[in-house]
Amino acid sequence: MLLKSHISKIEMLSPEWEQMRLAKITASKWYTCMGERGMGEQGVSYIDMKVGEELTGKCGEAKIENDSTRWGNLYEPDATMSFGKQ
């Protein structure tokens, strides 16, 4: 269960939010580490990128913006709060 104390008040996509995500494995990319026969090249590349973020302090992912990401960014805070209430 998600504790309310673990829900951040930091605004998504803000510099503070970006800093908190550095070198953290995200749910949206976890699939790269879960291949049918274990972690493949894609998973190793993802882990390597996260290690690079830890070492350099810089984000290794390209910024992608489209209708889907804008929709997710708009509704994620409400969805997180709704989940917390459940």
PDB file of N, CA and C in Angstrom:
ATOM      1  N   MET A   1       0.837  -1.178   0.000  1.00  0.00           N
ATOM      2  CA  MET A   1       0.000   0.000   0.000  1.00  0.00           C
ATOM      3  C   MET A   1       0.885   1.246   0.000  1.00  0.00           C
ATOM      4  N   LEU A   2       0.515   2.219  -0.771  1.00  0.00           N
ATOM      5  CA  LEU A   2       1.241   3.484  -0.850  1.00  0.00           C
ATOM      6  C   LEU A   2       0.865   4.351   0.338  1.00  0.00           C
ATOM      7  N   LEU A   3       1.866   4.737   1.126  1.00  0.00           N
ATOM      8  CA  LEU A   3       1.619   5.617   2.262  1.00  0.00           C
ATOM      9  C   LEU A   3       1.533   7.061   1.785  1.00  0.00           C
ATOM     10  N   LYS A   4       0.615   7.828   2.350  1.00  0.00           N
ATOM     11  CA  LYS A   4       0.475   9.233   1.971  1.00  0.00           C
ATOM     12  C   LYS A   4       1.777   9.985   2.204  1.00  0.00           C
ATOM     13  N   SER A   5       2.534   9.571   3.197  1.00  0.00           N
ATOM     14  CA  SER A   5       3.801  10.254   3.496  1.00  0.00           C
ATOM     15  C   SER A   5       4.835  10.057   2.390  1.00  0.00           C
ATOM     16  N   HIS A   6       4.603   9.096   1.490  1.00  0.00           N
ATOM     17  CA  HIS A   6       5.525   8.844   0.385  1.00  0.00           C
ATOM     18  C   HIS A   6       5.133   9.584  -0.887  1.00  0.00           C
ATOM     19  N   ILE A   7       4.018  10.297  -0.849  1.00  0.00           N
ATOM     20  CA  ILE A   7       3.575  11.061  -2.014  1.00  0.00           C
ATOM     21  C   ILE A   7       4.234  12.430  -1.943  1.00  0.00           C
ATOM     22  N   SER A   8       5.023  12.730  -2.918  1.00  0.00           N
ATOM     23  CA  SER A   8       5.769  13.991  -2.951  1.00  0.00           C
ATOM     24  C   SER A   8       4.870  15.136  -3.383  1.00  0.00           C
ATOM     25  N   LYS A   9       5.160  16.293  -2.891  1.00  0.00           N
ATOM     26  CA  LYS A   9       4.445  17.510  -3.298  1.00  0.00           C
ATOM     27  C   LYS A   9       5.239  18.271  -4.370  1.00  0.00           C
ATOM     28  N   ILE A  10       6.345  17.683  -4.805  1.00  0.00           N
ATOM     29  CA  ILE A  10       7.172  18.324  -5.822  1.00  0.00           C
ATOM     30  C   ILE A  10       6.441  18.281  -7.165  1.00  0.00           C
ATOM     31  N   GLU A  11       6.453  19.407  -7.850  1.00  0.00           N
ATOM     32  CA  GLU A  11       5.771  19.505  -9.136  1.00  0.00           C
ATOM     33  C   GLU A  11       6.483  18.662 -10.189  1.00  0.00           C
ATOM     34  N   MET A  12       5.683  17.867 -10.921  1.00  0.00           N
ATOM     35  CA  MET A  12       6.251  17.039 -11.975  1.00  0.00           C
ATOM     36  C   MET A  12       6.954  17.904 -13.015  1.00  0.00           C
ATOM     37  N   LEU A  13       8.059  17.383 -13.518  1.00  0.00           N
ATOM     38  CA  LEU A  13       8.874  17.987 -14.557  1.00  0.00           C
ATOM     39  C   LEU A  13       9.636  19.221 -14.082  1.00  0.00           C
ATOM     40  N   SER A  14       9.550  19.542 -12.803  1.00  0.00           N
ATOM     41  CA  SER A  14      10.330  20.656 -12.263  1.00  0.00           C
ATOM     42  C   SER A  14      11.785  20.203 -12.106  1.00  0.00           C
ATOM     43  N   PRO A  15      12.713  21.133 -11.948  1.00  0.00           N
ATOM     44  CA  PRO A  15      14.108  20.735 -11.745  1.00  0.00           C
ATOM     45  C   PRO A  15      14.290  19.813 -10.529  1.00  0.00           C
ATOM     46  N   GLU A  16      13.530  20.043  -9.462  1.00  0.00           N
ATOM     47  CA  GLU A  16      13.623  19.199  -8.268  1.00  0.00           C
ATOM     48  C   GLU A  16      13.138  17.776  -8.571  1.00  0.00           C
ATOM     49  N   TRP A  17      12.081  17.670  -9.360  1.00  0.00           N
ATOM     50  CA  TRP A  17      11.530  16.373  -9.748  1.00  0.00           C
ATOM     51  C   TRP A  17      12.545  15.617 -10.606  1.00  0.00           C
ATOM     52  N   GLU A  18      13.135  16.330 -11.556  1.00  0.00           N
ATOM     53  CA  GLU A  18      14.149  15.711 -12.420  1.00  0.00           C
ATOM     54  C   GLU A  18      15.316  15.191 -11.579  1.00  0.00           C
ATOM     55  N   GLN A  19      15.741  15.995 -10.601  1.00  0.00           N
ATOM     56  CA  GLN A  19      16.867  15.607  -9.750  1.00  0.00           C
ATOM     57  C   GLN A  19      16.535  14.361  -8.932  1.00  0.00           C
ATOM     58  N   MET A  20      15.308  14.266  -8.427  1.00  0.00           N
ATOM     59  CA  MET A  20      14.906  13.107  -7.627  1.00  0.00           C
ATOM     60  C   MET A  20      14.875  11.822  -8.452  1.00  0.00           C
ATOM     61  N   ARG A  21      14.616  11.924  -9.744  1.00  0.00           N
ATOM     62  CA  ARG A  21      14.527  10.747 -10.616  1.00  0.00           C
ATOM     63  C   ARG A  21      15.877  10.270 -11.135  1.00  0.00           C
ATOM     64  N   LEU A  22      16.897  11.105 -10.983  1.00  0.00           N
ATOM     65  CA  LEU A  22      18.209  10.741 -11.489  1.00  0.00           C
ATOM     66  C   LEU A  22      18.676   9.420 -10.898  1.00  0.00           C
ATOM     67  N   ALA A  23      19.139   8.530 -11.727  1.00  0.00           N
ATOM     68  CA  ALA A  23      19.702   7.229 -11.344  1.00  0.00           C
ATOM     69  C   ALA A  23      18.685   6.308 -10.676  1.00  0.00           C
ATOM     70  N   LYS A  24      17.388   6.611 -10.807  1.00  0.00           N
ATOM     71  CA  LYS A  24      16.340   5.743 -10.259  1.00  0.00           C
ATOM     72  C   LYS A  24      15.703   4.952 -11.398  1.00  0.00           C
ATOM     73  N   ILE A  25      15.467   3.680 -11.161  1.00  0.00           N
ATOM     74  CA  ILE A  25      14.773   2.853 -12.144  1.00  0.00           C
ATOM     75  C   ILE A  25      13.294   3.197 -12.059  1.00  0.00           C
ATOM     76  N   THR A  26      12.703   3.543 -13.194  1.00  0.00           N
ATOM     77  CA  THR A  26      11.304   3.946 -13.213  1.00  0.00           C
ATOM     78  C   THR A  26      10.413   2.793 -13.667  1.00  0.00           C
ATOM     79  N   ALA A  27       9.176   2.842 -13.222  1.00  0.00           N
ATOM     80  CA  ALA A  27       8.215   1.794 -13.591  1.00  0.00           C
ATOM     81  C   ALA A  27       8.005   1.743 -15.097  1.00  0.00           C
ATOM     82  N   SER A  28       8.046   2.906 -15.743  1.00  0.00           N
ATOM     83  CA  SER A  28       7.789   2.931 -17.187  1.00  0.00           C
ATOM     84  C   SER A  28       8.890   2.269 -18.004  1.00  0.00           C
ATOM     85  N   LYS A  29      10.064   2.073 -17.417  1.00  0.00           N
ATOM     86  CA  LYS A  29      11.170   1.427 -18.131  1.00  0.00           C
ATOM     87  C   LYS A  29      11.562   0.080 -17.519  1.00  0.00           C
ATOM     88  N   TRP A  30      10.877  -0.350 -16.469  1.00  0.00           N
ATOM     89  CA  TRP A  30      11.223  -1.597 -15.793  1.00  0.00           C
ATOM     90  C   TRP A  30      11.144  -2.787 -16.753  1.00  0.00           C
ATOM     91  N   TYR A  31      10.239  -2.707 -17.720  1.00  0.00           N
ATOM     92  CA  TYR A  31      10.072  -3.804 -18.675  1.00  0.00           C
ATOM     93  C   TYR A  31      11.384  -4.157 -19.381  1.00  0.00           C
ATOM     94  N   THR A  32      12.287  -3.194 -19.521  1.00  0.00           N
ATOM     95  CA  THR A  32      13.544  -3.469 -20.214  1.00  0.00           C
ATOM     96  C   THR A  32      14.388  -4.491 -19.461  1.00  0.00           C
ATOM     97  N   CYS A  33      14.149  -4.614 -18.164  1.00  0.00           N
ATOM     98  CA  CYS A  33      14.923  -5.546 -17.327  1.00  0.00           C
ATOM     99  C   CYS A  33      14.221  -6.888 -17.154  1.00  0.00           C
ATOM    100  N   MET A  34      13.055  -7.054 -17.744  1.00  0.00           N
ATOM    101  CA  MET A  34      12.248  -8.248 -17.516  1.00  0.00           C
ATOM    102  C   MET A  34      11.988  -9.028 -18.800  1.00  0.00           C
ATOM    103  N   GLY A  35      13.028  -9.356 -19.508  1.00  0.00           N
ATOM    104  CA  GLY A  35      12.880 -10.115 -20.746  1.00  0.00           C
ATOM    105  C   GLY A  35      12.422 -11.540 -20.483  1.00  0.00           C
ATOM    106  N   GLU A  36      11.954 -12.177 -21.509  1.00  0.00           N
ATOM    107  CA  GLU A  36      11.442 -13.549 -21.399  1.00  0.00           C
ATOM    108  C   GLU A  36      12.505 -14.498 -20.862  1.00  0.00           C
ATOM    109  N   ARG A  37      13.745 -14.263 -21.244  1.00  0.00           N
ATOM    110  CA  ARG A  37      14.859 -15.098 -20.782  1.00  0.00           C
ATOM    111  C   ARG A  37      15.798 -14.325 -19.856  1.00  0.00           C
ATOM    112  N   GLY A  38      15.237 -13.388 -19.112  1.00  0.00           N
ATOM    113  CA  GLY A  38      16.055 -12.584 -18.211  1.00  0.00           C
ATOM    114  C   GLY A  38      16.412 -11.251 -18.831  1.00  0.00           C
ATOM    115  N   MET A  39      17.338 -10.582 -18.208  1.00  0.00           N
ATOM    116  CA  MET A  39      17.720  -9.254 -18.677  1.00  0.00           C
ATOM    117  C   MET A  39      18.555  -9.383 -19.943  1.00  0.00           C
ATOM    118  N   GLY A  40      18.090  -8.754 -20.991  1.00  0.00           N
ATOM    119  CA  GLY A  40      18.818  -8.778 -22.253  1.00  0.00           C
ATOM    120  C   GLY A  40      19.600  -7.501 -22.457  1.00  0.00           C
ATOM    121  N   GLU A  41      19.964  -7.243 -23.715  1.00  0.00           N
ATOM    122  CA  GLU A  41      20.748  -6.053 -24.057  1.00  0.00           C
ATOM    123  C   GLU A  41      20.025  -4.770 -23.670  1.00  0.00           C
ATOM    124  N   GLN A  42      18.721  -4.743 -23.882  1.00  0.00           N
ATOM    125  CA  GLN A  42      17.941  -3.549 -23.574  1.00  0.00           C
ATOM    126  C   GLN A  42      18.004  -3.236 -22.070  1.00  0.00           C
ATOM    127  N   GLY A  43      17.872  -4.259 -21.242  1.00  0.00           N
ATOM    128  CA  GLY A  43      17.943  -4.075 -19.799  1.00  0.00           C
ATOM    129  C   GLY A  43      19.319  -3.629 -19.344  1.00  0.00           C
ATOM    130  N   VAL A  44      20.355  -4.228 -19.902  1.00  0.00           N
ATOM    131  CA  VAL A  44      21.726  -3.860 -19.552  1.00  0.00           C
ATOM    132  C   VAL A  44      21.993  -2.409 -19.960  1.00  0.00           C
ATOM    133  N   SER A  45      21.519  -2.018 -21.130  1.00  0.00           N
ATOM    134  CA  SER A  45      21.686  -0.633 -21.585  1.00  0.00           C
ATOM    135  C   SER A  45      20.985   0.340 -20.641  1.00  0.00           C
ATOM    136  N   TYR A  46      19.796  -0.025 -20.189  1.00  0.00           N
ATOM    137  CA  TYR A  46      19.046   0.838 -19.266  1.00  0.00           C
ATOM    138  C   TYR A  46      19.797   0.983 -17.939  1.00  0.00           C
ATOM    139  N   ILE A  47      20.281  -0.120 -17.407  1.00  0.00           N
ATOM    140  CA  ILE A  47      21.043  -0.076 -16.152  1.00  0.00           C
ATOM    141  C   ILE A  47      22.323   0.745 -16.343  1.00  0.00           C
ATOM    142  N   ASP A  48      23.013   0.547 -17.472  1.00  0.00           N
ATOM    143  CA  ASP A  48      24.217   1.329 -17.764  1.00  0.00           C
ATOM    144  C   ASP A  48      23.911   2.827 -17.790  1.00  0.00           C
ATOM    145  N   MET A  49      22.770   3.193 -18.391  1.00  0.00           N
ATOM    146  CA  MET A  49      22.383   4.598 -18.458  1.00  0.00           C
ATOM    147  C   MET A  49      22.152   5.152 -17.049  1.00  0.00           C
ATOM    148  N   LYS A  50      21.498   4.370 -16.198  1.00  0.00           N
ATOM    149  CA  LYS A  50      21.228   4.816 -14.827  1.00  0.00           C
ATOM    150  C   LYS A  50      22.526   4.945 -14.023  1.00  0.00           C
ATOM    151  N   VAL A  51      23.474   4.062 -14.245  1.00  0.00           N
ATOM    152  CA  VAL A  51      24.784   4.181 -13.591  1.00  0.00           C
ATOM    153  C   VAL A  51      25.470   5.459 -14.080  1.00  0.00           C
ATOM    154  N   GLY A  52      25.375   5.724 -15.367  1.00  0.00           N
ATOM    155  CA  GLY A  52      25.945   6.949 -15.918  1.00  0.00           C
ATOM    156  C   GLY A  52      25.331   8.195 -15.299  1.00  0.00           C
ATOM    157  N   GLU A  53      24.023   8.154 -15.066  1.00  0.00           N
ATOM    158  CA  GLU A  53      23.359   9.278 -14.400  1.00  0.00           C
ATOM    159  C   GLU A  53      23.917   9.476 -12.994  1.00  0.00           C
ATOM    160  N   GLU A  54      24.119   8.378 -12.293  1.00  0.00           N
ATOM    161  CA  GLU A  54      24.663   8.451 -10.935  1.00  0.00           C
ATOM    162  C   GLU A  54      26.059   9.061 -10.940  1.00  0.00           C
ATOM    163  N   LEU A  55      26.871   8.673 -11.910  1.00  0.00           N
ATOM    164  CA  LEU A  55      28.249   9.150 -11.971  1.00  0.00           C
ATOM    165  C   LEU A  55      28.368  10.596 -12.444  1.00  0.00           C
ATOM    166  N   THR A  56      27.495  10.993 -13.370  1.00  0.00           N
ATOM    167  CA  THR A  56      27.612  12.326 -13.966  1.00  0.00           C
ATOM    168  C   THR A  56      26.672  13.354 -13.359  1.00  0.00           C
ATOM    169  N   GLY A  57      25.578  12.881 -12.749  1.00  0.00           N
ATOM    170  CA  GLY A  57      24.573  13.809 -12.229  1.00  0.00           C
ATOM    171  C   GLY A  57      23.715  14.417 -13.320  1.00  0.00           C
ATOM    172  N   LYS A  58      23.736  13.805 -14.520  1.00  0.00           N
ATOM    173  CA  LYS A  58      22.955  14.316 -15.647  1.00  0.00           C
ATOM    174  C   LYS A  58      22.013  13.242 -16.165  1.00  0.00           C
ATOM    175  N   CYS A  59      20.843  13.666 -16.621  1.00  0.00           N
ATOM    176  CA  CYS A  59      19.838  12.745 -17.143  1.00  0.00           C
ATOM    177  C   CYS A  59      20.322  12.121 -18.452  1.00  0.00           C
ATOM    178  N   GLY A  60      20.130  10.813 -18.578  1.00  0.00           N
ATOM    179  CA  GLY A  60      20.558  10.111 -19.777  1.00  0.00           C
ATOM    180  C   GLY A  60      19.440   9.863 -20.764  1.00  0.00           C
ATOM    181  N   GLU A  61      18.209  10.231 -20.411  1.00  0.00           N
ATOM    182  CA  GLU A  61      17.069   9.980 -21.283  1.00  0.00           C
ATOM    183  C   GLU A  61      16.727  11.208 -22.115  1.00  0.00           C
ATOM    184  N   ALA A  62      16.320  10.967 -23.344  1.00  0.00           N
ATOM    185  CA  ALA A  62      15.861  12.051 -24.197  1.00  0.00           C
ATOM    186  C   ALA A  62      14.483  12.504 -23.725  1.00  0.00           C
ATOM    187  N   LYS A  63      14.223  13.782 -23.834  1.00  0.00           N
ATOM    188  CA  LYS A  63      12.917  14.329 -23.462  1.00  0.00           C
ATOM    189  C   LYS A  63      11.960  14.109 -24.627  1.00  0.00           C
ATOM    190  N   ILE A  64      10.891  13.365 -24.369  1.00  0.00           N
ATOM    191  CA  ILE A  64       9.899  13.083 -25.404  1.00  0.00           C
ATOM    192  C   ILE A  64       8.583  13.719 -24.982  1.00  0.00           C
ATOM    193  N   GLU A  65       7.978  14.465 -25.875  1.00  0.00           N
ATOM    194  CA  GLU A  65       6.686  15.068 -25.590  1.00  0.00           C
ATOM    195  C   GLU A  65       5.756  14.806 -26.759  1.00  0.00           C
ATOM    196  N   ASN A  66       4.603  14.245 -26.437  1.00  0.00           N
ATOM    197  CA  ASN A  66       3.559  14.025 -27.425  1.00  0.00           C
ATOM    198  C   ASN A  66       2.220  14.065 -26.699  1.00  0.00           C
ATOM    199  N   ASP A  67       1.122  13.812 -27.384  1.00  0.00           N
ATOM    200  CA  ASP A  67      -0.195  13.884 -26.749  1.00  0.00           C
ATOM    201  C   ASP A  67      -0.301  12.933 -25.562  1.00  0.00           C
ATOM    202  N   SER A  68       0.272  11.756 -25.678  1.00  0.00           N
ATOM    203  CA  SER A  68       0.186  10.762 -24.600  1.00  0.00           C
ATOM    204  C   SER A  68       0.961  11.201 -23.359  1.00  0.00           C
ATOM    205  N   THR A  69       2.158  11.716 -23.543  1.00  0.00           N
ATOM    206  CA  THR A  69       2.936  12.149 -22.378  1.00  0.00           C
ATOM    207  C   THR A  69       2.318  13.385 -21.744  1.00  0.00           C
ATOM    208  N   ARG A  70       1.773  14.289 -22.554  1.00  0.00           N
ATOM    209  CA  ARG A  70       1.104  15.467 -21.996  1.00  0.00           C
ATOM    210  C   ARG A  70      -0.117  15.050 -21.184  1.00  0.00           C
ATOM    211  N   TRP A  71      -0.904  14.094 -21.691  1.00  0.00           N
ATOM    212  CA  TRP A  71      -2.068  13.596 -20.968  1.00  0.00           C
ATOM    213  C   TRP A  71      -1.635  12.963 -19.642  1.00  0.00           C
ATOM    214  N   GLY A  72      -0.598  12.144 -19.679  1.00  0.00           N
ATOM    215  CA  GLY A  72      -0.103  11.512 -18.456  1.00  0.00           C
ATOM    216  C   GLY A  72       0.392  12.536 -17.456  1.00  0.00           C
ATOM    217  N   ASN A  73       1.117  13.527 -17.914  1.00  0.00           N
ATOM    218  CA  ASN A  73       1.616  14.567 -17.011  1.00  0.00           C
ATOM    219  C   ASN A  73       0.471  15.373 -16.402  1.00  0.00           C
ATOM    220  N   LEU A  74      -0.584  15.585 -17.171  1.00  0.00           N
ATOM    221  CA  LEU A  74      -1.725  16.350 -16.681  1.00  0.00           C
ATOM    222  C   LEU A  74      -2.505  15.584 -15.615  1.00  0.00           C
ATOM    223  N   TYR A  75      -2.719  14.273 -15.814  1.00  0.00           N
ATOM    224  CA  TYR A  75      -3.597  13.511 -14.929  1.00  0.00           C
ATOM    225  C   TYR A  75      -2.891  12.665 -13.870  1.00  0.00           C
ATOM    226  N   GLU A  76      -1.573  12.517 -13.941  1.00  0.00           N
ATOM    227  CA  GLU A  76      -0.879  11.681 -12.959  1.00  0.00           C
ATOM    228  C   GLU A  76      -1.057  12.164 -11.517  1.00  0.00           C
ATOM    229  N   PRO A  77      -0.948  13.469 -11.230  1.00  0.00           N
ATOM    230  CA  PRO A  77      -1.132  13.897  -9.836  1.00  0.00           C
ATOM    231  C   PRO A  77      -2.510  13.524  -9.274  1.00  0.00           C
ATOM    232  N   ASP A  78      -3.562  13.709 -10.073  1.00  0.00           N
ATOM    233  CA  ASP A  78      -4.912  13.335  -9.624  1.00  0.00           C
ATOM    234  C   ASP A  78      -5.028  11.834  -9.424  1.00  0.00           C
ATOM    235  N   ALA A  79      -4.444  11.075 -10.329  1.00  0.00           N
ATOM    236  CA  ALA A  79      -4.499   9.612 -10.213  1.00  0.00           C
ATOM    237  C   ALA A  79      -3.741   9.143  -8.962  1.00  0.00           C
ATOM    238  N   THR A  80      -2.611   9.762  -8.674  1.00  0.00           N
ATOM    239  CA  THR A  80      -1.840   9.397  -7.484  1.00  0.00           C
ATOM    240  C   THR A  80      -2.632   9.698  -6.224  1.00  0.00           C
ATOM    241  N   MET A  81      -3.271  10.846  -6.167  1.00  0.00           N
ATOM    242  CA  MET A  81      -4.074  11.207  -5.003  1.00  0.00           C
ATOM    243  C   MET A  81      -5.278  10.273  -4.862  1.00  0.00           C
ATOM    244  N   SER A  82      -5.911   9.933  -5.967  1.00  0.00           N
ATOM    245  CA  SER A  82      -7.043   9.008  -5.933  1.00  0.00           C
ATOM    246  C   SER A  82      -6.595   7.637  -5.429  1.00  0.00           C
ATOM    247  N   PHE A  83      -5.450   7.185  -5.905  1.00  0.00           N
ATOM    248  CA  PHE A  83      -4.897   5.898  -5.461  1.00  0.00           C
ATOM    249  C   PHE A  83      -4.628   5.941  -3.951  1.00  0.00           C
ATOM    250  N   GLY A  84      -4.077   7.057  -3.484  1.00  0.00           N
ATOM    251  CA  GLY A  84      -3.794   7.197  -2.055  1.00  0.00           C
ATOM    252  C   GLY A  84      -5.054   7.141  -1.217  1.00  0.00           C
ATOM    253  N   LYS A  85      -6.152   7.675  -1.715  1.00  0.00           N
ATOM    254  CA  LYS A  85      -7.419   7.637  -0.985  1.00  0.00           C
ATOM    255  C   LYS A  85      -7.995   6.226  -0.911  1.00  0.00           C
ATOM    256  N   GLN A  86      -7.724   5.442  -1.953  1.00  0.00           N
ATOM    257  CA  GLN A  86      -8.236   4.058  -1.981  1.00  0.00           C
ATOM    258  C   GLN A  86      -7.567   3.246  -0.911  1.00  0.00           C
TER     259      GLN A  86
END
